[in-house]
Amino acid sequence: LLQLGSLDFIVASPTLIQYVASRAGLRPDQLEISL
């Protein structure tokens, strides 16, 4: 939903989200920590 634009931010463990994002085809540099 973040990729689709339905969410603006997500809150989670950065380490975990990197695992999940890689499954969805995202590169690590496509996500960044805001807070």
Full PDB file with SEQRES, HELIX, SHEET, SSBOND, CRYST1, ORIGX, SCALE, CONECT and MASTER records, all heavy atoms in Angstrom:
SEQRES   1 A   35  LEU LEU GLN LEU GLY SER LEU ASP PHE ILE VAL ALA SER          
SEQRES   2 A   35  PRO THR LEU ILE GLN TYR VAL ALA SER ARG ALA GLY LEU          
SEQRES   3 A   35  ARG PRO ASP GLN LEU GLU ILE SER LEU                          
HELIX    1 AA1 PRO A   14  ARG A   23  1                                  10    
HELIX    2 AA2 PRO A   28  GLN A   30  5                                   3    
CRYST1    1.000    1.000    1.000  90.00  90.00  90.00 P 1           1          
ORIGX1      1.000000  0.000000  0.000000        0.00000                         
ORIGX2      0.000000  1.000000  0.000000        0.00000                         
ORIGX3      0.000000  0.000000  1.000000        0.00000                         
SCALE1      1.000000  0.000000  0.000000        0.00000                         
SCALE2      0.000000  1.000000  0.000000        0.00000                         
SCALE3      0.000000  0.000000  1.000000        0.00000                         
ATOM      1  N   LEU A   1       0.827  -1.210   0.000  1.00  0.00           N  
ATOM      2  CA  LEU A   1       0.000   0.000   0.000  1.00  0.00           C  
ATOM      3  C   LEU A   1       0.865   1.265   0.000  1.00  0.00           C  
ATOM      4  O   LEU A   1       0.443   2.302  -0.514  1.00  0.00           O  
ATOM      5  CB  LEU A   1      -0.942  -0.010   1.201  1.00  0.00           C  
ATOM      6  CG  LEU A   1      -2.026  -1.099   1.169  1.00  0.00           C  
ATOM      7  CD1 LEU A   1      -2.896  -1.048   2.409  1.00  0.00           C  
ATOM      8  CD2 LEU A   1      -2.886  -0.976  -0.085  1.00  0.00           C  
ATOM      9  N   LEU A   2       2.050   1.179   0.570  1.00  0.00           N  
ATOM     10  CA  LEU A   2       2.977   2.310   0.484  1.00  0.00           C  
ATOM     11  C   LEU A   2       3.394   2.524  -0.967  1.00  0.00           C  
ATOM     12  O   LEU A   2       3.431   3.661  -1.462  1.00  0.00           O  
ATOM     13  CB  LEU A   2       4.199   2.033   1.360  1.00  0.00           C  
ATOM     14  CG  LEU A   2       5.220   3.164   1.491  1.00  0.00           C  
ATOM     15  CD1 LEU A   2       4.628   4.356   2.241  1.00  0.00           C  
ATOM     16  CD2 LEU A   2       6.477   2.671   2.217  1.00  0.00           C  
ATOM     17  N   GLN A   3       3.671   1.432  -1.679  1.00  0.00           N  
ATOM     18  CA  GLN A   3       4.052   1.529  -3.090  1.00  0.00           C  
ATOM     19  C   GLN A   3       2.915   2.096  -3.937  1.00  0.00           C  
ATOM     20  O   GLN A   3       3.148   2.859  -4.876  1.00  0.00           O  
ATOM     21  CB  GLN A   3       4.446   0.154  -3.635  1.00  0.00           C  
ATOM     22  CG  GLN A   3       5.779  -0.368  -3.140  1.00  0.00           C  
ATOM     23  CD  GLN A   3       6.075  -1.747  -3.687  1.00  0.00           C  
ATOM     24  OE1 GLN A   3       5.490  -2.737  -3.279  1.00  0.00           O  
ATOM     25  NE2 GLN A   3       6.998  -1.814  -4.644  1.00  0.00           N  
ATOM     26  N   LEU A   4       1.685   1.718  -3.595  1.00  0.00           N  
ATOM     27  CA  LEU A   4       0.520   2.171  -4.362  1.00  0.00           C  
ATOM     28  C   LEU A   4       0.125   3.607  -4.045  1.00  0.00           C  
ATOM     29  O   LEU A   4      -0.690   4.199  -4.753  1.00  0.00           O  
ATOM     30  CB  LEU A   4      -0.674   1.249  -4.085  1.00  0.00           C  
ATOM     31  CG  LEU A   4      -0.583  -0.175  -4.636  1.00  0.00           C  
ATOM     32  CD1 LEU A   4      -1.761  -1.015  -4.138  1.00  0.00           C  
ATOM     33  CD2 LEU A   4      -0.546  -0.156  -6.165  1.00  0.00           C  
ATOM     34  N   GLY A   5       0.688   4.170  -2.978  1.00  0.00           N  
ATOM     35  CA  GLY A   5       0.324   5.525  -2.590  1.00  0.00           C  
ATOM     36  C   GLY A   5      -0.872   5.598  -1.667  1.00  0.00           C  
ATOM     37  O   GLY A   5      -1.337   6.700  -1.328  1.00  0.00           O  
ATOM     38  N   SER A   6      -1.387   4.441  -1.240  1.00  0.00           N  
ATOM     39  CA  SER A   6      -2.524   4.437  -0.309  1.00  0.00           C  
ATOM     40  C   SER A   6      -2.087   4.762   1.114  1.00  0.00           C  
ATOM     41  O   SER A   6      -2.908   5.130   1.947  1.00  0.00           O  
ATOM     42  CB  SER A   6      -3.219   3.074  -0.334  1.00  0.00           C  
ATOM     43  OG  SER A   6      -3.689   2.786  -1.632  1.00  0.00           O  
ATOM     44  N   LEU A   7      -0.805   4.576   1.402  1.00  0.00           N  
ATOM     45  CA  LEU A   7      -0.212   4.971   2.674  1.00  0.00           C  
ATOM     46  C   LEU A   7       0.920   5.958   2.396  1.00  0.00           C  
ATOM     47  O   LEU A   7       1.620   5.849   1.386  1.00  0.00           O  
ATOM     48  CB  LEU A   7       0.344   3.762   3.425  1.00  0.00           C  
ATOM     49  CG  LEU A   7      -0.639   2.703   3.905  1.00  0.00           C  
ATOM     50  CD1 LEU A   7       0.121   1.524   4.502  1.00  0.00           C  
ATOM     51  CD2 LEU A   7      -1.625   3.276   4.925  1.00  0.00           C  
ATOM     52  N   ASP A   8       1.091   6.908   3.319  1.00  0.00           N  
ATOM     53  CA  ASP A   8       2.178   7.872   3.191  1.00  0.00           C  
ATOM     54  C   ASP A   8       3.409   7.444   3.985  1.00  0.00           C  
ATOM     55  O   ASP A   8       4.539   7.702   3.576  1.00  0.00           O  
ATOM     56  CB  ASP A   8       1.706   9.245   3.678  1.00  0.00           C  
ATOM     57  CG  ASP A   8       0.508   9.745   2.904  1.00  0.00           C  
ATOM     58  OD1 ASP A   8       0.629   9.908   1.676  1.00  0.00           O  
ATOM     59  OD2 ASP A   8      -0.563   9.947   3.519  1.00  0.00           O  
ATOM     60  N   PHE A   9       3.164   6.819   5.126  1.00  0.00           N  
ATOM     61  CA  PHE A   9       4.234   6.332   5.989  1.00  0.00           C  
ATOM     62  C   PHE A   9       3.862   4.947   6.506  1.00  0.00           C  
ATOM     63  O   PHE A   9       2.679   4.587   6.556  1.00  0.00           O  
ATOM     64  CB  PHE A   9       4.450   7.252   7.203  1.00  0.00           C  
ATOM     65  CG  PHE A   9       4.907   8.638   6.879  1.00  0.00           C  
ATOM     66  CD1 PHE A   9       3.998   9.685   6.799  1.00  0.00           C  
ATOM     67  CD2 PHE A   9       6.254   8.901   6.651  1.00  0.00           C  
ATOM     68  CE1 PHE A   9       4.417  10.966   6.506  1.00  0.00           C  
ATOM     69  CE2 PHE A   9       6.689  10.186   6.363  1.00  0.00           C  
ATOM     70  CZ  PHE A   9       5.766  11.226   6.291  1.00  0.00           C  
ATOM     71  N   ILE A  10       4.867   4.192   6.916  1.00  0.00           N  
ATOM     72  CA  ILE A  10       4.621   2.951   7.646  1.00  0.00           C  
ATOM     73  C   ILE A  10       5.507   2.954   8.895  1.00  0.00           C  
ATOM     74  O   ILE A  10       6.599   3.533   8.893  1.00  0.00           O  
ATOM     75  CB  ILE A  10       4.903   1.694   6.794  1.00  0.00           C  
ATOM     76  CG1 ILE A  10       6.332   1.690   6.246  1.00  0.00           C  
ATOM     77  CG2 ILE A  10       3.896   1.595   5.656  1.00  0.00           C  
ATOM     78  CD1 ILE A  10       6.675   0.435   5.459  1.00  0.00           C  
ATOM     79  N   VAL A  11       5.013   2.324   9.953  1.00  0.00           N  
ATOM     80  CA  VAL A  11       5.755   2.256  11.212  1.00  0.00           C  
ATOM     81  C   VAL A  11       6.070   0.800  11.503  1.00  0.00           C  
ATOM     82  O   VAL A  11       5.168  -0.035  11.574  1.00  0.00           O  
ATOM     83  CB  VAL A  11       4.942   2.877  12.367  1.00  0.00           C  
ATOM     84  CG1 VAL A  11       5.594   2.570  13.712  1.00  0.00           C  
ATOM     85  CG2 VAL A  11       4.832   4.381  12.169  1.00  0.00           C  
ATOM     86  N   ALA A  12       7.359   0.507  11.663  1.00  0.00           N  
ATOM     87  CA  ALA A  12       7.784  -0.876  11.895  1.00  0.00           C  
ATOM     88  C   ALA A  12       9.278  -0.878  12.203  1.00  0.00           C  
ATOM     89  O   ALA A  12       9.926   0.170  12.251  1.00  0.00           O  
ATOM     90  CB  ALA A  12       7.495  -1.737  10.666  1.00  0.00           C  
ATOM     91  N   SER A  13       9.806  -2.080  12.411  1.00  0.00           N  
ATOM     92  CA  SER A  13      11.239  -2.262  12.568  1.00  0.00           C  
ATOM     93  C   SER A  13      11.918  -2.060  11.211  1.00  0.00           C  
ATOM     94  O   SER A  13      11.547  -2.718  10.234  1.00  0.00           O  
ATOM     95  CB  SER A  13      11.535  -3.674  13.092  1.00  0.00           C  
ATOM     96  OG  SER A  13      12.854  -4.047  12.793  1.00  0.00           O  
ATOM     97  N   PRO A  14      12.910  -1.172  11.110  1.00  0.00           N  
ATOM     98  CA  PRO A  14      13.589  -0.980   9.822  1.00  0.00           C  
ATOM     99  C   PRO A  14      14.210  -2.262   9.279  1.00  0.00           C  
ATOM    100  O   PRO A  14      14.157  -2.519   8.073  1.00  0.00           O  
ATOM    101  CB  PRO A  14      14.663   0.067  10.154  1.00  0.00           C  
ATOM    102  CG  PRO A  14      14.128   0.805  11.335  1.00  0.00           C  
ATOM    103  CD  PRO A  14      13.376  -0.228  12.144  1.00  0.00           C  
ATOM    104  N   THR A  15      14.806  -3.075  10.156  1.00  0.00           N  
ATOM    105  CA  THR A  15      15.415  -4.332   9.708  1.00  0.00           C  
ATOM    106  C   THR A  15      14.377  -5.240   9.087  1.00  0.00           C  
ATOM    107  O   THR A  15      14.589  -5.811   8.000  1.00  0.00           O  
ATOM    108  CB  THR A  15      16.090  -5.047  10.890  1.00  0.00           C  
ATOM    109  OG1 THR A  15      17.074  -4.190  11.454  1.00  0.00           O  
ATOM    110  CG2 THR A  15      16.746  -6.341  10.429  1.00  0.00           C  
ATOM    111  N   LEU A  16      13.232  -5.365   9.741  1.00  0.00           N  
ATOM    112  CA  LEU A  16      12.177  -6.226   9.235  1.00  0.00           C  
ATOM    113  C   LEU A  16      11.623  -5.720   7.914  1.00  0.00           C  
ATOM    114  O   LEU A  16      11.431  -6.492   6.968  1.00  0.00           O  
ATOM    115  CB  LEU A  16      11.049  -6.318  10.270  1.00  0.00           C  
ATOM    116  CG  LEU A  16       9.794  -6.995   9.748  1.00  0.00           C  
ATOM    117  CD1 LEU A  16       9.497  -8.253  10.519  1.00  0.00           C  
ATOM    118  CD2 LEU A  16       8.610  -6.053   9.828  1.00  0.00           C  
ATOM    119  N   ILE A  17      11.388  -4.418   7.832  1.00  0.00           N  
ATOM    120  CA  ILE A  17      10.795  -3.867   6.615  1.00  0.00           C  
ATOM    121  C   ILE A  17      11.743  -4.029   5.427  1.00  0.00           C  
ATOM    122  O   ILE A  17      11.294  -4.216   4.292  1.00  0.00           O  
ATOM    123  CB  ILE A  17      10.401  -2.387   6.825  1.00  0.00           C  
ATOM    124  CG1 ILE A  17       9.157  -2.323   7.731  1.00  0.00           C  
ATOM    125  CG2 ILE A  17      10.113  -1.694   5.507  1.00  0.00           C  
ATOM    126  CD1 ILE A  17       7.919  -3.020   7.158  1.00  0.00           C  
ATOM    127  N   GLN A  18      13.046  -3.984   5.657  1.00  0.00           N  
ATOM    128  CA  GLN A  18      13.975  -4.224   4.552  1.00  0.00           C  
ATOM    129  C   GLN A  18      13.809  -5.628   3.993  1.00  0.00           C  
ATOM    130  O   GLN A  18      13.872  -5.829   2.779  1.00  0.00           O  
ATOM    131  CB  GLN A  18      15.417  -3.995   5.018  1.00  0.00           C  
ATOM    132  CG  GLN A  18      15.753  -2.543   5.317  1.00  0.00           C  
ATOM    133  CD  GLN A  18      15.709  -1.646   4.087  1.00  0.00           C  
ATOM    134  OE1 GLN A  18      15.641  -2.116   2.950  1.00  0.00           O  
ATOM    135  NE2 GLN A  18      15.732  -0.351   4.308  1.00  0.00           N  
ATOM    136  N   TYR A  19      13.583  -6.623   4.868  1.00  0.00           N  
ATOM    137  CA  TYR A  19      13.326  -7.991   4.416  1.00  0.00           C  
ATOM    138  C   TYR A  19      12.045  -8.042   3.578  1.00  0.00           C  
ATOM    139  O   TYR A  19      12.013  -8.627   2.488  1.00  0.00           O  
ATOM    140  CB  TYR A  19      13.186  -8.933   5.611  1.00  0.00           C  
ATOM    141  CG  TYR A  19      14.476  -9.508   6.120  1.00  0.00           C  
ATOM    142  CD1 TYR A  19      15.263  -8.798   7.019  1.00  0.00           C  
ATOM    143  CD2 TYR A  19      14.919 -10.775   5.729  1.00  0.00           C  
ATOM    144  CE1 TYR A  19      16.457  -9.323   7.507  1.00  0.00           C  
ATOM    145  CE2 TYR A  19      16.104 -11.302   6.202  1.00  0.00           C  
ATOM    146  CZ  TYR A  19      16.863 -10.575   7.095  1.00  0.00           C  
ATOM    147  OH  TYR A  19      18.036 -11.081   7.574  1.00  0.00           O  
ATOM    148  N   VAL A  20      10.994  -7.433   4.099  1.00  0.00           N  
ATOM    149  CA  VAL A  20       9.695  -7.467   3.425  1.00  0.00           C  
ATOM    150  C   VAL A  20       9.768  -6.711   2.102  1.00  0.00           C  
ATOM    151  O   VAL A  20       9.241  -7.165   1.078  1.00  0.00           O  
ATOM    152  CB  VAL A  20       8.600  -6.879   4.337  1.00  0.00           C  
ATOM    153  CG1 VAL A  20       7.259  -6.815   3.606  1.00  0.00           C  
ATOM    154  CG2 VAL A  20       8.467  -7.713   5.606  1.00  0.00           C  
ATOM    155  N   ALA A  21      10.424  -5.558   2.109  1.00  0.00           N  
ATOM    156  CA  ALA A  21      10.515  -4.745   0.900  1.00  0.00           C  
ATOM    157  C   ALA A  21      11.287  -5.475  -0.201  1.00  0.00           C  
ATOM    158  O   ALA A  21      10.935  -5.387  -1.378  1.00  0.00           O  
ATOM    159  CB  ALA A  21      11.183  -3.413   1.222  1.00  0.00           C  
ATOM    160  N   SER A  22      12.334  -6.207   0.183  1.00  0.00           N  
ATOM    161  CA  SER A  22      13.107  -6.943  -0.822  1.00  0.00           C  
ATOM    162  C   SER A  22      12.248  -8.002  -1.505  1.00  0.00           C  
ATOM    163  O   SER A  22      12.405  -8.269  -2.698  1.00  0.00           O  
ATOM    164  CB  SER A  22      14.340  -7.580  -0.180  1.00  0.00           C  
ATOM    165  OG  SER A  22      13.974  -8.592   0.743  1.00  0.00           O  
ATOM    166  N   ARG A  23      11.320  -8.586  -0.742  1.00  0.00           N  
ATOM    167  CA  ARG A  23      10.395  -9.559  -1.342  1.00  0.00           C  
ATOM    168  C   ARG A  23       9.504  -8.896  -2.386  1.00  0.00           C  
ATOM    169  O   ARG A  23       9.080  -9.534  -3.352  1.00  0.00           O  
ATOM    170  CB  ARG A  23       9.500 -10.173  -0.263  1.00  0.00           C  
ATOM    171  CG  ARG A  23      10.195 -11.048   0.760  1.00  0.00           C  
ATOM    172  CD  ARG A  23       9.171 -11.481   1.794  1.00  0.00           C  
ATOM    173  NE  ARG A  23       9.733 -12.324   2.848  1.00  0.00           N  
ATOM    174  CZ  ARG A  23       9.052 -12.710   3.919  1.00  0.00           C  
ATOM    175  NH1 ARG A  23       7.789 -12.335   4.062  1.00  0.00           N  
ATOM    176  NH2 ARG A  23       9.626 -13.466   4.830  1.00  0.00           N  
ATOM    177  N   ALA A  24       9.202  -7.601  -2.162  1.00  0.00           N  
ATOM    178  CA  ALA A  24       8.321  -6.872  -3.084  1.00  0.00           C  
ATOM    179  C   ALA A  24       9.094  -6.219  -4.217  1.00  0.00           C  
ATOM    180  O   ALA A  24       8.517  -5.501  -5.035  1.00  0.00           O  
ATOM    181  CB  ALA A  24       7.549  -5.803  -2.308  1.00  0.00           C  
ATOM    182  N   GLY A  25      10.406  -6.473  -4.282  1.00  0.00           N  
ATOM    183  CA  GLY A  25      11.204  -5.938  -5.369  1.00  0.00           C  
ATOM    184  C   GLY A  25      11.753  -4.547  -5.135  1.00  0.00           C  
ATOM    185  O   GLY A  25      12.278  -3.920  -6.069  1.00  0.00           O  
ATOM    186  N   LEU A  26      11.653  -4.035  -3.912  1.00  0.00           N  
ATOM    187  CA  LEU A  26      12.202  -2.716  -3.601  1.00  0.00           C  
ATOM    188  C   LEU A  26      13.677  -2.823  -3.220  1.00  0.00           C  
ATOM    189  O   LEU A  26      14.083  -3.745  -2.520  1.00  0.00           O  
ATOM    190  CB  LEU A  26      11.441  -2.080  -2.433  1.00  0.00           C  
ATOM    191  CG  LEU A  26      10.065  -1.467  -2.720  1.00  0.00           C  
ATOM    192  CD1 LEU A  26       9.450  -0.981  -1.422  1.00  0.00           C  
ATOM    193  CD2 LEU A  26      10.170  -0.323  -3.706  1.00  0.00           C  
ATOM    194  N   ARG A  27      14.466  -1.864  -3.667  1.00  0.00           N  
ATOM    195  CA  ARG A  27      15.858  -1.777  -3.237  1.00  0.00           C  
ATOM    196  C   ARG A  27      15.921  -1.073  -1.877  1.00  0.00           C  
ATOM    197  O   ARG A  27      15.051  -0.254  -1.556  1.00  0.00           O  
ATOM    198  CB  ARG A  27      16.690  -0.988  -4.241  1.00  0.00           C  
ATOM    199  CG  ARG A  27      16.712  -1.553  -5.641  1.00  0.00           C  
ATOM    200  CD  ARG A  27      17.710  -0.784  -6.509  1.00  0.00           C  
ATOM    201  NE  ARG A  27      17.567   0.666  -6.373  1.00  0.00           N  
ATOM    202  CZ  ARG A  27      16.711   1.408  -7.074  1.00  0.00           C  
ATOM    203  NH1 ARG A  27      15.901   0.821  -7.968  1.00  0.00           N  
ATOM    204  NH2 ARG A  27      16.653   2.713  -6.903  1.00  0.00           N  
ATOM    205  N   PRO A  28      16.940  -1.369  -1.081  1.00  0.00           N  
ATOM    206  CA  PRO A  28      17.053  -0.720   0.229  1.00  0.00           C  
ATOM    207  C   PRO A  28      17.041   0.806   0.155  1.00  0.00           C  
ATOM    208  O   PRO A  28      16.497   1.467   1.034  1.00  0.00           O  
ATOM    209  CB  PRO A  28      18.396  -1.240   0.763  1.00  0.00           C  
ATOM    210  CG  PRO A  28      18.581  -2.546   0.085  1.00  0.00           C  
ATOM    211  CD  PRO A  28      17.990  -2.384  -1.281  1.00  0.00           C  
ATOM    212  N   ASP A  29      17.617   1.383  -0.921  1.00  0.00           N  
ATOM    213  CA  ASP A  29      17.691   2.844  -1.004  1.00  0.00           C  
ATOM    214  C   ASP A  29      16.382   3.489  -1.434  1.00  0.00           C  
ATOM    215  O   ASP A  29      16.284   4.725  -1.515  1.00  0.00           O  
ATOM    216  CB  ASP A  29      18.821   3.271  -1.946  1.00  0.00           C  
ATOM    217  CG  ASP A  29      18.604   2.810  -3.393  1.00  0.00           C  
ATOM    218  OD1 ASP A  29      17.631   2.067  -3.649  1.00  0.00           O  
ATOM    219  OD2 ASP A  29      19.409   3.181  -4.260  1.00  0.00           O  
ATOM    220  N   GLN A  30      15.344   2.681  -1.710  1.00  0.00           N  
ATOM    221  CA  GLN A  30      14.048   3.250  -2.065  1.00  0.00           C  
ATOM    222  C   GLN A  30      13.195   3.588  -0.839  1.00  0.00           C  
ATOM    223  O   GLN A  30      12.170   4.237  -0.961  1.00  0.00           O  
ATOM    224  CB  GLN A  30      13.283   2.289  -2.982  1.00  0.00           C  
ATOM    225  CG  GLN A  30      13.866   2.188  -4.379  1.00  0.00           C  
ATOM    226  CD  GLN A  30      13.082   1.246  -5.271  1.00  0.00           C  
ATOM    227  OE1 GLN A  30      13.310   0.030  -5.288  1.00  0.00           O  
ATOM    228  NE2 GLN A  30      12.151   1.798  -6.018  1.00  0.00           N  
ATOM    229  N   LEU A  31      13.624   3.121   0.324  1.00  0.00           N  
ATOM    230  CA  LEU A  31      12.955   3.453   1.581  1.00  0.00           C  
ATOM    231  C   LEU A  31      13.883   4.300   2.428  1.00  0.00           C  
ATOM    232  O   LEU A  31      15.106   4.113   2.411  1.00  0.00           O  
ATOM    233  CB  LEU A  31      12.594   2.178   2.354  1.00  0.00           C  
ATOM    234  CG  LEU A  31      11.438   1.334   1.847  1.00  0.00           C  
ATOM    235  CD1 LEU A  31      11.369   0.034   2.643  1.00  0.00           C  
ATOM    236  CD2 LEU A  31      10.118   2.081   1.956  1.00  0.00           C  
ATOM    237  N   GLU A  32      13.307   5.240   3.165  1.00  0.00           N  
ATOM    238  CA  GLU A  32      14.121   6.013   4.093  1.00  0.00           C  
ATOM    239  C   GLU A  32      13.360   6.239   5.393  1.00  0.00           C  
ATOM    240  O   GLU A  32      12.128   6.256   5.421  1.00  0.00           O  
ATOM    241  CB  GLU A  32      14.547   7.343   3.495  1.00  0.00           C  
ATOM    242  CG  GLU A  32      13.445   8.355   3.315  1.00  0.00           C  
ATOM    243  CD  GLU A  32      13.993   9.694   2.834  1.00  0.00           C  
ATOM    244  OE1 GLU A  32      15.127   9.722   2.324  1.00  0.00           O  
ATOM    245  OE2 GLU A  32      13.276  10.704   2.966  1.00  0.00           O  
ATOM    246  N   ILE A  33      14.114   6.400   6.462  1.00  0.00           N  
ATOM    247  CA  ILE A  33      13.535   6.656   7.783  1.00  0.00           C  
ATOM    248  C   ILE A  33      13.255   8.143   7.928  1.00  0.00           C  
ATOM    249  O   ILE A  33      14.156   8.976   7.751  1.00  0.00           O  
ATOM    250  CB  ILE A  33      14.483   6.170   8.893  1.00  0.00           C  
ATOM    251  CG1 ILE A  33      14.618   4.646   8.835  1.00  0.00           C  
ATOM    252  CG2 ILE A  33      13.987   6.621  10.263  1.00  0.00           C  
ATOM    253  CD1 ILE A  33      15.624   4.080   9.821  1.00  0.00           C  
ATOM    254  N   SER A  34      12.009   8.471   8.238  1.00  0.00           N  
ATOM    255  CA  SER A  34      11.637   9.859   8.511  1.00  0.00           C  
ATOM    256  C   SER A  34      11.815  10.200   9.980  1.00  0.00           C  
ATOM    257  O   SER A  34      12.303  11.282  10.322  1.00  0.00           O  
ATOM    258  CB  SER A  34      10.180  10.115   8.098  1.00  0.00           C  
ATOM    259  OG  SER A  34      10.009   9.980   6.710  1.00  0.00           O  
ATOM    260  N   LEU A  35      11.400   9.272  10.853  1.00  0.00           N  
ATOM    261  CA  LEU A  35      11.500   9.485  12.296  1.00  0.00           C  
ATOM    262  C   LEU A  35      11.886   8.180  12.969  1.00  0.00           C  
ATOM    263  O   LEU A  35      11.283   7.141  12.694  1.00  0.00           O  
ATOM    264  CB  LEU A  35      10.161   9.946  12.878  1.00  0.00           C  
ATOM    265  CG  LEU A  35       9.606  11.307  12.471  1.00  0.00           C  
ATOM    266  CD1 LEU A  35       8.165  11.439  12.950  1.00  0.00           C  
ATOM    267  CD2 LEU A  35      10.463  12.426  13.035  1.00  0.00           C  
TER     268      LEU A  35                                                      
MASTER        0    0    0    2    0    0    0    6  267    1    0    3          
END                                                                             
